[in-house]
Amino acid sequence: MIVAKSLDAALIALREHDDARVIQGGTDLMVEINFNHLKPTTMVSLRHIPELRTITRPDGNTISIGSGVPYSQLEIEPVASVLPALAQASRTVGSPQIRAAGSLGGNLGTCSPAGDTLPVMFALDADIHLQSSDSHRTVSIHQFMTGVKRNVKRHDEIITAVDFPIIDGWQGYSKVGVRNAMVISVASACLVADHKSGDVRLALGSVGPTIIRCRETEQWLKDNASLTHNSVISPDIAREFGARASRECSPIDDHRSTAQYRRHAISILAARLLQKAYS
């Protein structure tokens, strides 16, 4: 185990060890190791790197969250009032012990479709910062995740931060699981209603190989904006919105749920979120 005390030290370690795996909170990686799915010979700990545990406002339109900031800090200010959907998603992650260790960087590094914060990133069009020992690049979340537990991060890169736009509008996150707490989502959804642009954005988790942005459903609502009355969504419009969202997802049957139930759950979650956004 290499315990890096700075970002430069961690990047040098990755460059010198081709087989190295980075570990932040370990809430995903240690499960894989305990089940003998992974047997890394070198691990680089990022937990003591201060550059990865900052929350900044580089301008009035963006909040940048370090990849090592734990979920327990994302539940409270200054994040909760600016990114309420992210705070809501963070509160649903595991136990208090898991939320004190897990982070956005871990969710992105694992890139499971069930990652709780990933639908929030997709709905808000977040940008991911990647740093290597000799370069830096910023990748849209829509290009970052390429498949089930696959992303574009290179071995010698570290996820350093996630940039979220600050919107004037409403945002919310909901998920369904087999119990009320400490559970992997069966289906999840994040909806963002941007009052400035008039756009509504919807992203779904656990119902496809990657997070799904419901582009066709979003466009349908935009094309039928005249169906709303005094900025209030009728129950019929909400139901149709949910039904269209459920048709855009591609769930599977597994030990946690059936595809049919996941589609039904998405239709309900999407409809409720839309009505909340305009209530």
C-alpha atoms as a PDB file:
ATOM      1  CA  MET A   1       0.000   0.000   0.000  1.00  0.00           C
ATOM      2  CA  ILE A   2       1.347   3.399  -1.031  1.00  0.00           C
ATOM      3  CA  VAL A   3      -0.183   6.162   1.091  1.00  0.00           C
ATOM      4  CA  ALA A   4       0.079   9.323  -1.003  1.00  0.00           C
ATOM      5  CA  LYS A   5       0.101  12.650   0.811  1.00  0.00           C
ATOM      6  CA  SER A   6      -0.154  14.766  -2.337  1.00  0.00           C
ATOM      7  CA  LEU A   7      -1.684  14.470  -5.785  1.00  0.00           C
ATOM      8  CA  ASP A   8       1.765  14.571  -7.406  1.00  0.00           C
ATOM      9  CA  ALA A   9       2.952  11.670  -5.239  1.00  0.00           C
ATOM     10  CA  ALA A  10      -0.076   9.581  -6.205  1.00  0.00           C
ATOM     11  CA  LEU A  11       0.385  10.297  -9.899  1.00  0.00           C
ATOM     12  CA  ILE A  12       4.060   9.355  -9.735  1.00  0.00           C
ATOM     13  CA  ALA A  13       3.137   6.076  -8.013  1.00  0.00           C
ATOM     14  CA  LEU A  14       0.642   5.262 -10.771  1.00  0.00           C
ATOM     15  CA  ARG A  15       3.227   6.001 -13.432  1.00  0.00           C
ATOM     16  CA  GLU A  16       5.801   3.753 -11.747  1.00  0.00           C
ATOM     17  CA  HIS A  17       3.447   0.831 -11.031  1.00  0.00           C
ATOM     18  CA  ASP A  18       1.509  -0.454 -14.033  1.00  0.00           C
ATOM     19  CA  ASP A  19      -0.522  -2.808 -11.848  1.00  0.00           C
ATOM     20  CA  ALA A  20      -1.500  -0.213  -9.217  1.00  0.00           C
ATOM     21  CA  ARG A  21      -5.110   0.379  -8.188  1.00  0.00           C
ATOM     22  CA  VAL A  22      -6.221   3.596  -6.510  1.00  0.00           C
ATOM     23  CA  ILE A  23      -8.327   3.435  -3.363  1.00  0.00           C
ATOM     24  CA  GLN A  24     -10.233   6.314  -1.781  1.00  0.00           C
ATOM     25  CA  GLY A  25     -12.864   5.072   0.675  1.00  0.00           C
ATOM     26  CA  GLY A  26     -12.689   1.449  -0.434  1.00  0.00           C
ATOM     27  CA  THR A  27     -16.444   0.914  -0.178  1.00  0.00           C
ATOM     28  CA  ASP A  28     -16.530  -0.723  -3.642  1.00  0.00           C
ATOM     29  CA  LEU A  29     -12.958  -1.942  -4.105  1.00  0.00           C
ATOM     30  CA  MET A  30     -12.708  -3.800  -0.805  1.00  0.00           C
ATOM     31  CA  VAL A  31     -15.888  -5.734  -1.587  1.00  0.00           C
ATOM     32  CA  GLU A  32     -14.312  -6.930  -4.839  1.00  0.00           C
ATOM     33  CA  ILE A  33     -11.110  -7.885  -3.022  1.00  0.00           C
ATOM     34  CA  ASN A  34     -12.959  -9.688  -0.219  1.00  0.00           C
ATOM     35  CA  PHE A  35     -14.823 -11.819  -2.763  1.00  0.00           C
ATOM     36  CA  ASN A  36     -11.545 -12.576  -4.602  1.00  0.00           C
ATOM     37  CA  HIS A  37     -12.772 -10.818  -7.735  1.00  0.00           C
ATOM     38  CA  LEU A  38      -9.674  -8.606  -7.642  1.00  0.00           C
ATOM     39  CA  LYS A  39      -6.186  -9.295  -6.325  1.00  0.00           C
ATOM     40  CA  PRO A  40      -4.208  -6.070  -6.732  1.00  0.00           C
ATOM     41  CA  THR A  41      -0.516  -6.248  -5.864  1.00  0.00           C
ATOM     42  CA  THR A  42      -0.142  -2.488  -5.408  1.00  0.00           C
ATOM     43  CA  MET A  43      -2.688  -0.007  -4.092  1.00  0.00           C
ATOM     44  CA  VAL A  44      -2.327   3.770  -3.962  1.00  0.00           C
ATOM     45  CA  SER A  45      -4.359   5.398  -1.194  1.00  0.00           C
ATOM     46  CA  LEU A  46      -5.824   8.831  -2.032  1.00  0.00           C
ATOM     47  CA  ARG A  47      -7.503   9.363   1.327  1.00  0.00           C
ATOM     48  CA  HIS A  48      -4.880  11.793   2.699  1.00  0.00           C
ATOM     49  CA  ILE A  49      -4.635  14.075  -0.329  1.00  0.00           C
ATOM     50  CA  PRO A  50      -6.097  17.474   0.631  1.00  0.00           C
ATOM     51  CA  GLU A  51      -6.484  18.620  -3.001  1.00  0.00           C
ATOM     52  CA  LEU A  52      -9.158  15.957  -3.514  1.00  0.00           C
ATOM     53  CA  ARG A  53     -11.263  16.949  -0.504  1.00  0.00           C
ATOM     54  CA  THR A  54     -12.211  20.531  -1.365  1.00  0.00           C
ATOM     55  CA  ILE A  55     -15.467  22.216  -2.381  1.00  0.00           C
ATOM     56  CA  THR A  56     -15.042  25.450  -4.329  1.00  0.00           C
ATOM     57  CA  ARG A  57     -17.099  27.958  -6.312  1.00  0.00           C
ATOM     58  CA  PRO A  58     -14.761  28.919  -9.198  1.00  0.00           C
ATOM     59  CA  ASP A  59     -17.457  31.256 -10.535  1.00  0.00           C
ATOM     60  CA  GLY A  60     -21.066  32.151  -9.885  1.00  0.00           C
ATOM     61  CA  ASN A  61     -22.337  29.422 -12.188  1.00  0.00           C
ATOM     62  CA  THR A  62     -20.400  26.357 -11.029  1.00  0.00           C
ATOM     63  CA  ILE A  63     -19.614  24.393  -7.898  1.00  0.00           C
ATOM     64  CA  SER A  64     -16.586  22.088  -8.035  1.00  0.00           C
ATOM     65  CA  ILE A  65     -16.489  19.109  -5.680  1.00  0.00           C
ATOM     66  CA  GLY A  66     -13.276  17.201  -5.064  1.00  0.00           C
ATOM     67  CA  SER A  67     -13.416  13.495  -5.871  1.00  0.00           C
ATOM     68  CA  GLY A  68     -12.479  12.601  -2.293  1.00  0.00           C
ATOM     69  CA  VAL A  69     -15.172  14.624  -0.516  1.00  0.00           C
ATOM     70  CA  PRO A  70     -17.217  12.032   1.412  1.00  0.00           C
ATOM     71  CA  TYR A  71     -20.963  11.684   1.004  1.00  0.00           C
ATOM     72  CA  SER A  72     -21.448  12.794   4.606  1.00  0.00           C
ATOM     73  CA  GLN A  73     -20.256  16.266   3.565  1.00  0.00           C
ATOM     74  CA  LEU A  74     -22.444  16.306   0.457  1.00  0.00           C
ATOM     75  CA  GLU A  75     -25.578  15.912   2.587  1.00  0.00           C
ATOM     76  CA  ILE A  76     -25.049  19.281   4.289  1.00  0.00           C
ATOM     77  CA  GLU A  77     -24.098  22.859   3.448  1.00  0.00           C
ATOM     78  CA  PRO A  78     -22.673  24.325   1.320  1.00  0.00           C
ATOM     79  CA  VAL A  79     -23.788  21.566  -1.072  1.00  0.00           C
ATOM     80  CA  ALA A  80     -27.338  20.844   0.130  1.00  0.00           C
ATOM     81  CA  SER A  81     -28.877  24.184  -0.864  1.00  0.00           C
ATOM     82  CA  VAL A  82     -27.026  24.467  -4.194  1.00  0.00           C
ATOM     83  CA  LEU A  83     -27.288  20.821  -5.296  1.00  0.00           C
ATOM     84  CA  PRO A  84     -30.278  19.397  -3.400  1.00  0.00           C
ATOM     85  CA  ALA A  85     -30.536  16.372  -5.712  1.00  0.00           C
ATOM     86  CA  LEU A  86     -26.928  15.449  -4.950  1.00  0.00           C
ATOM     87  CA  ALA A  87     -27.575  15.830  -1.232  1.00  0.00           C
ATOM     88  CA  GLN A  88     -30.663  13.617  -1.516  1.00  0.00           C
ATOM     89  CA  ALA A  89     -28.744  10.945  -3.429  1.00  0.00           C
ATOM     90  CA  SER A  90     -25.870  11.077  -0.938  1.00  0.00           C
ATOM     91  CA  ARG A  91     -28.231  10.472   1.984  1.00  0.00           C
ATOM     92  CA  THR A  92     -29.385   7.199   0.397  1.00  0.00           C
ATOM     93  CA  VAL A  93     -25.874   5.712   0.197  1.00  0.00           C
ATOM     94  CA  GLY A  94     -25.363   2.860   2.656  1.00  0.00           C
ATOM     95  CA  SER A  95     -24.810   3.408   6.362  1.00  0.00           C
ATOM     96  CA  PRO A  96     -23.305   6.456   8.122  1.00  0.00           C
ATOM     97  CA  GLN A  97     -19.968   4.625   8.107  1.00  0.00           C
ATOM     98  CA  ILE A  98     -20.156   4.115   4.326  1.00  0.00           C
ATOM     99  CA  ARG A  99     -21.160   7.755   3.769  1.00  0.00           C
ATOM    100  CA  ALA A 100     -18.168   8.886   5.825  1.00  0.00           C
ATOM    101  CA  ALA A 101     -15.821   6.959   3.508  1.00  0.00           C
ATOM    102  CA  GLY A 102     -17.433   6.800   0.057  1.00  0.00           C
ATOM    103  CA  SER A 103     -17.139   9.628  -2.460  1.00  0.00           C
ATOM    104  CA  LEU A 104     -18.018  10.845  -5.946  1.00  0.00           C
ATOM    105  CA  GLY A 105     -14.631   9.639  -7.170  1.00  0.00           C
ATOM    106  CA  GLY A 106     -15.461   6.126  -6.056  1.00  0.00           C
ATOM    107  CA  ASN A 107     -18.857   6.189  -7.776  1.00  0.00           C
ATOM    108  CA  LEU A 108     -17.190   7.369 -10.973  1.00  0.00           C
ATOM    109  CA  GLY A 109     -14.285   4.951 -10.717  1.00  0.00           C
ATOM    110  CA  THR A 110     -16.608   1.972 -10.270  1.00  0.00           C
ATOM    111  CA  CYS A 111     -19.173   3.272 -12.800  1.00  0.00           C
ATOM    112  CA  SER A 112     -21.908   0.874 -11.754  1.00  0.00           C
ATOM    113  CA  PRO A 113     -25.308   1.731 -13.276  1.00  0.00           C
ATOM    114  CA  ALA A 114     -26.621   1.531  -9.698  1.00  0.00           C
ATOM    115  CA  GLY A 115     -24.295   4.301  -8.469  1.00  0.00           C
ATOM    116  CA  ASP A 116     -26.558   6.681  -6.568  1.00  0.00           C
ATOM    117  CA  THR A 117     -24.892   9.960  -7.521  1.00  0.00           C
ATOM    118  CA  LEU A 118     -24.427   9.167 -11.216  1.00  0.00           C
ATOM    119  CA  PRO A 119     -28.004  10.019 -12.349  1.00  0.00           C
ATOM    120  CA  VAL A 120     -27.559  13.405 -10.662  1.00  0.00           C
ATOM    121  CA  MET A 121     -24.385  14.030 -12.657  1.00  0.00           C
ATOM    122  CA  PHE A 122     -26.143  13.058 -15.901  1.00  0.00           C
ATOM    123  CA  ALA A 123     -29.209  15.210 -15.238  1.00  0.00           C
ATOM    124  CA  LEU A 124     -27.043  18.216 -14.371  1.00  0.00           C
ATOM    125  CA  ASP A 125     -24.576  17.709 -17.267  1.00  0.00           C
ATOM    126  CA  ALA A 126     -21.587  17.522 -14.922  1.00  0.00           C
ATOM    127  CA  ASP A 127     -17.956  17.638 -16.078  1.00  0.00           C
ATOM    128  CA  ILE A 128     -15.252  15.281 -14.790  1.00  0.00           C
ATOM    129  CA  HIS A 129     -11.649  16.412 -14.223  1.00  0.00           C
ATOM    130  CA  LEU A 130      -8.924  13.857 -14.931  1.00  0.00           C
ATOM    131  CA  GLN A 131      -5.274  14.451 -14.029  1.00  0.00           C
ATOM    132  CA  SER A 132      -2.144  12.531 -15.008  1.00  0.00           C
ATOM    133  CA  SER A 133       1.477  13.340 -14.228  1.00  0.00           C
ATOM    134  CA  ASP A 134       1.825  15.331 -17.449  1.00  0.00           C
ATOM    135  CA  SER A 135      -1.691  16.361 -18.530  1.00  0.00           C
ATOM    136  CA  HIS A 136      -5.145  17.437 -17.448  1.00  0.00           C
ATOM    137  CA  ARG A 137      -8.426  16.971 -19.274  1.00  0.00           C
ATOM    138  CA  THR A 138     -12.098  17.626 -18.633  1.00  0.00           C
ATOM    139  CA  VAL A 139     -14.672  15.120 -19.874  1.00  0.00           C
ATOM    140  CA  SER A 140     -18.456  15.445 -19.932  1.00  0.00           C
ATOM    141  CA  ILE A 141     -20.169  12.820 -17.795  1.00  0.00           C
ATOM    142  CA  HIS A 142     -22.005  11.750 -20.972  1.00  0.00           C
ATOM    143  CA  GLN A 143     -18.693  10.696 -22.545  1.00  0.00           C
ATOM    144  CA  PHE A 144     -17.090   9.435 -19.321  1.00  0.00           C
ATOM    145  CA  MET A 145     -19.214   6.344 -18.638  1.00  0.00           C
ATOM    146  CA  THR A 146     -18.999   3.874 -21.549  1.00  0.00           C
ATOM    147  CA  GLY A 147     -20.604   0.701 -20.167  1.00  0.00           C
ATOM    148  CA  VAL A 148     -21.196  -1.435 -17.098  1.00  0.00           C
ATOM    149  CA  LYS A 149     -18.286  -0.541 -14.790  1.00  0.00           C
ATOM    150  CA  ARG A 150     -16.369   0.951 -17.724  1.00  0.00           C
ATOM    151  CA  ASN A 151     -15.186   4.509 -18.288  1.00  0.00           C
ATOM    152  CA  VAL A 152     -12.624   6.509 -20.260  1.00  0.00           C
ATOM    153  CA  LYS A 153     -10.206   7.050 -17.356  1.00  0.00           C
ATOM    154  CA  ARG A 154      -6.705   5.873 -18.208  1.00  0.00           C
ATOM    155  CA  HIS A 155      -4.599   3.893 -15.743  1.00  0.00           C
ATOM    156  CA  ASP A 156      -2.253   6.807 -15.100  1.00  0.00           C
ATOM    157  CA  GLU A 157      -5.108   9.267 -14.440  1.00  0.00           C
ATOM    158  CA  ILE A 158      -6.863  10.225 -11.221  1.00  0.00           C
ATOM    159  CA  ILE A 159     -10.363  11.693 -11.041  1.00  0.00           C
ATOM    160  CA  THR A 160      -9.743  14.958  -9.198  1.00  0.00           C
ATOM    161  CA  ALA A 161     -13.070  16.809  -9.186  1.00  0.00           C
ATOM    162  CA  VAL A 162     -16.589  17.049 -10.570  1.00  0.00           C
ATOM    163  CA  ASP A 163     -18.000  20.376 -11.780  1.00  0.00           C
ATOM    164  CA  PHE A 164     -21.759  20.913 -11.425  1.00  0.00           C
ATOM    165  CA  PRO A 165     -23.588  23.864 -12.995  1.00  0.00           C
ATOM    166  CA  ILE A 166     -25.663  25.867 -10.538  1.00  0.00           C
ATOM    167  CA  ILE A 167     -29.168  26.081 -11.953  1.00  0.00           C
ATOM    168  CA  ASP A 168     -32.085  28.379 -11.268  1.00  0.00           C
ATOM    169  CA  GLY A 169     -34.840  25.835 -10.851  1.00  0.00           C
ATOM    170  CA  TRP A 170     -35.844  22.603  -9.157  1.00  0.00           C
ATOM    171  CA  GLN A 171     -34.015  19.303  -8.848  1.00  0.00           C
ATOM    172  CA  GLY A 172     -34.780  16.055  -7.062  1.00  0.00           C
ATOM    173  CA  TYR A 173     -33.648  12.453  -6.730  1.00  0.00           C
ATOM    174  CA  SER A 174     -35.600   9.309  -5.833  1.00  0.00           C
ATOM    175  CA  LYS A 175     -34.841   5.618  -5.787  1.00  0.00           C
ATOM    176  CA  VAL A 176     -36.537   2.295  -5.128  1.00  0.00           C
ATOM    177  CA  GLY A 177     -34.906  -0.562  -3.232  1.00  0.00           C
ATOM    178  CA  VAL A 178     -35.882  -3.775  -1.527  1.00  0.00           C
ATOM    179  CA  ARG A 179     -35.944  -1.939   1.813  1.00  0.00           C
ATOM    180  CA  ASN A 180     -35.906   1.648   3.063  1.00  0.00           C
ATOM    181  CA  ALA A 181     -32.204   2.042   3.883  1.00  0.00           C
ATOM    182  CA  MET A 182     -28.730   0.642   3.200  1.00  0.00           C
ATOM    183  CA  VAL A 183     -29.722  -0.848  -0.130  1.00  0.00           C
ATOM    184  CA  ILE A 184     -28.525  -0.880  -3.731  1.00  0.00           C
ATOM    185  CA  SER A 185     -31.111   0.787  -5.922  1.00  0.00           C
ATOM    186  CA  VAL A 186     -33.503  -1.310  -7.983  1.00  0.00           C
ATOM    187  CA  ALA A 187     -34.305   1.827  -9.979  1.00  0.00           C
ATOM    188  CA  SER A 188     -33.441   5.484  -9.507  1.00  0.00           C
ATOM    189  CA  ALA A 189     -34.180   8.806 -11.167  1.00  0.00           C
ATOM    190  CA  CYS A 190     -33.022  12.405 -11.045  1.00  0.00           C
ATOM    191  CA  LEU A 191     -35.059  15.222 -12.550  1.00  0.00           C
ATOM    192  CA  VAL A 192     -33.879  18.786 -13.122  1.00  0.00           C
ATOM    193  CA  ALA A 193     -36.242  21.582 -14.151  1.00  0.00           C
ATOM    194  CA  ASP A 194     -34.146  24.532 -15.334  1.00  0.00           C
ATOM    195  CA  HIS A 195     -36.318  27.631 -15.070  1.00  0.00           C
ATOM    196  CA  LYS A 196     -33.865  29.780 -17.024  1.00  0.00           C
ATOM    197  CA  SER A 197     -33.797  27.588 -20.138  1.00  0.00           C
ATOM    198  CA  GLY A 198     -37.203  26.015 -19.601  1.00  0.00           C
ATOM    199  CA  ASP A 199     -35.692  22.552 -20.054  1.00  0.00           C
ATOM    200  CA  VAL A 200     -36.566  19.484 -18.006  1.00  0.00           C
ATOM    201  CA  ARG A 201     -33.841  16.821 -17.806  1.00  0.00           C
ATOM    202  CA  LEU A 202     -34.328  13.255 -16.574  1.00  0.00           C
ATOM    203  CA  ALA A 203     -31.667  10.619 -15.881  1.00  0.00           C
ATOM    204  CA  LEU A 204     -32.257   7.027 -14.780  1.00  0.00           C
ATOM    205  CA  GLY A 205     -30.079   4.571 -12.861  1.00  0.00           C
ATOM    206  CA  SER A 206     -30.103   0.761 -12.481  1.00  0.00           C
ATOM    207  CA  VAL A 207     -32.223   0.288 -15.612  1.00  0.00           C
ATOM    208  CA  GLY A 208     -29.566  -0.044 -18.319  1.00  0.00           C
ATOM    209  CA  PRO A 209     -25.873  -0.767 -18.895  1.00  0.00           C
ATOM    210  CA  THR A 210     -25.137   2.907 -18.251  1.00  0.00           C
ATOM    211  CA  ILE A 211     -27.089   5.818 -16.802  1.00  0.00           C
ATOM    212  CA  ILE A 212     -29.875   6.732 -19.233  1.00  0.00           C
ATOM    213  CA  ARG A 213     -30.785  10.302 -20.170  1.00  0.00           C
ATOM    214  CA  CYS A 214     -34.381  10.297 -21.382  1.00  0.00           C
ATOM    215  CA  ARG A 215     -33.828  12.565 -24.376  1.00  0.00           C
ATOM    216  CA  GLU A 216     -37.034  11.585 -26.207  1.00  0.00           C
ATOM    217  CA  THR A 217     -39.171  12.054 -23.099  1.00  0.00           C
ATOM    218  CA  GLU A 218     -37.541  15.415 -22.410  1.00  0.00           C
ATOM    219  CA  GLN A 219     -38.230  16.531 -25.992  1.00  0.00           C
ATOM    220  CA  TRP A 220     -41.860  15.341 -25.818  1.00  0.00           C
ATOM    221  CA  LEU A 221     -42.462  17.480 -22.738  1.00  0.00           C
ATOM    222  CA  LYS A 222     -40.779  20.474 -24.363  1.00  0.00           C
ATOM    223  CA  ASP A 223     -42.873  20.082 -27.519  1.00  0.00           C
ATOM    224  CA  ASN A 224     -46.041  19.895 -25.420  1.00  0.00           C
ATOM    225  CA  ALA A 225     -45.282  22.706 -23.005  1.00  0.00           C
ATOM    226  CA  SER A 226     -48.660  24.231 -23.873  1.00  0.00           C
ATOM    227  CA  LEU A 227     -50.333  21.303 -22.107  1.00  0.00           C
ATOM    228  CA  THR A 228     -49.218  22.650 -18.749  1.00  0.00           C
ATOM    229  CA  HIS A 229     -51.538  25.077 -16.988  1.00  0.00           C
ATOM    230  CA  ASN A 230     -50.035  27.994 -15.070  1.00  0.00           C
ATOM    231  CA  SER A 231     -46.766  26.052 -14.761  1.00  0.00           C
ATOM    232  CA  VAL A 232     -48.568  23.150 -13.075  1.00  0.00           C
ATOM    233  CA  ILE A 233     -48.283  19.629 -14.471  1.00  0.00           C
ATOM    234  CA  SER A 234     -51.589  17.762 -14.676  1.00  0.00           C
ATOM    235  CA  PRO A 235     -51.745  14.149 -13.441  1.00  0.00           C
ATOM    236  CA  ASP A 236     -52.357  12.970 -17.018  1.00  0.00           C
ATOM    237  CA  ILE A 237     -49.261  14.719 -18.335  1.00  0.00           C
ATOM    238  CA  ALA A 238     -47.196  13.368 -15.435  1.00  0.00           C
ATOM    239  CA  ARG A 239     -48.397   9.810 -16.105  1.00  0.00           C
ATOM    240  CA  GLU A 240     -47.590  10.109 -19.795  1.00  0.00           C
ATOM    241  CA  PHE A 241     -44.159  11.531 -18.949  1.00  0.00           C
ATOM    242  CA  GLY A 242     -43.501   8.556 -16.652  1.00  0.00           C
ATOM    243  CA  ALA A 243     -44.751   6.056 -19.227  1.00  0.00           C
ATOM    244  CA  ARG A 244     -42.489   7.500 -21.908  1.00  0.00           C
ATOM    245  CA  ALA A 245     -39.500   7.448 -19.547  1.00  0.00           C
ATOM    246  CA  SER A 246     -40.138   3.780 -18.744  1.00  0.00           C
ATOM    247  CA  ARG A 247     -40.037   2.971 -22.458  1.00  0.00           C
ATOM    248  CA  GLU A 248     -36.610   4.586 -22.825  1.00  0.00           C
ATOM    249  CA  CYS A 249     -34.950   2.370 -20.232  1.00  0.00           C
ATOM    250  CA  SER A 250     -33.598  -1.147 -20.860  1.00  0.00           C
ATOM    251  CA  PRO A 251     -33.719  -3.011 -17.542  1.00  0.00           C
ATOM    252  CA  ILE A 252     -32.897  -6.665 -16.908  1.00  0.00           C
ATOM    253  CA  ASP A 253     -34.159  -9.409 -14.609  1.00  0.00           C
ATOM    254  CA  ASP A 254     -31.730 -10.139 -11.792  1.00  0.00           C
ATOM    255  CA  HIS A 255     -31.686 -11.249  -8.148  1.00  0.00           C
ATOM    256  CA  ARG A 256     -32.861  -7.795  -6.995  1.00  0.00           C
ATOM    257  CA  SER A 257     -35.811  -7.251  -9.316  1.00  0.00           C
ATOM    258  CA  THR A 258     -37.533  -8.023 -12.583  1.00  0.00           C
ATOM    259  CA  ALA A 259     -37.307  -5.850 -15.666  1.00  0.00           C
ATOM    260  CA  GLN A 260     -41.083  -5.389 -15.584  1.00  0.00           C
ATOM    261  CA  TYR A 261     -41.019  -4.034 -12.037  1.00  0.00           C
ATOM    262  CA  ARG A 262     -38.115  -1.721 -12.840  1.00  0.00           C
ATOM    263  CA  ARG A 263     -40.048  -0.208 -15.744  1.00  0.00           C
ATOM    264  CA  HIS A 264     -43.083   0.286 -13.511  1.00  0.00           C
ATOM    265  CA  ALA A 265     -40.920   1.884 -10.805  1.00  0.00           C
ATOM    266  CA  ILE A 266     -39.390   4.306 -13.294  1.00  0.00           C
ATOM    267  CA  SER A 267     -42.813   5.372 -14.559  1.00  0.00           C
ATOM    268  CA  ILE A 268     -43.884   6.206 -10.999  1.00  0.00           C
ATOM    269  CA  LEU A 269     -40.625   7.908  -9.983  1.00  0.00           C
ATOM    270  CA  ALA A 270     -40.507  10.069 -13.111  1.00  0.00           C
ATOM    271  CA  ALA A 271     -44.147  11.138 -12.798  1.00  0.00           C
ATOM    272  CA  ARG A 272     -43.791  12.035  -9.122  1.00  0.00           C
ATOM    273  CA  LEU A 273     -40.592  14.000  -9.669  1.00  0.00           C
ATOM    274  CA  LEU A 274     -42.172  15.989 -12.492  1.00  0.00           C
ATOM    275  CA  GLN A 275     -45.181  16.876 -10.383  1.00  0.00           C
ATOM    276  CA  LYS A 276     -42.951  17.898  -7.476  1.00  0.00           C
ATOM    277  CA  ALA A 277     -40.947  20.127  -9.798  1.00  0.00           C
ATOM    278  CA  TYR A 278     -44.072  22.069 -10.762  1.00  0.00           C
ATOM    279  CA  SER A 279     -46.147  21.814  -7.595  1.00  0.00           C
END
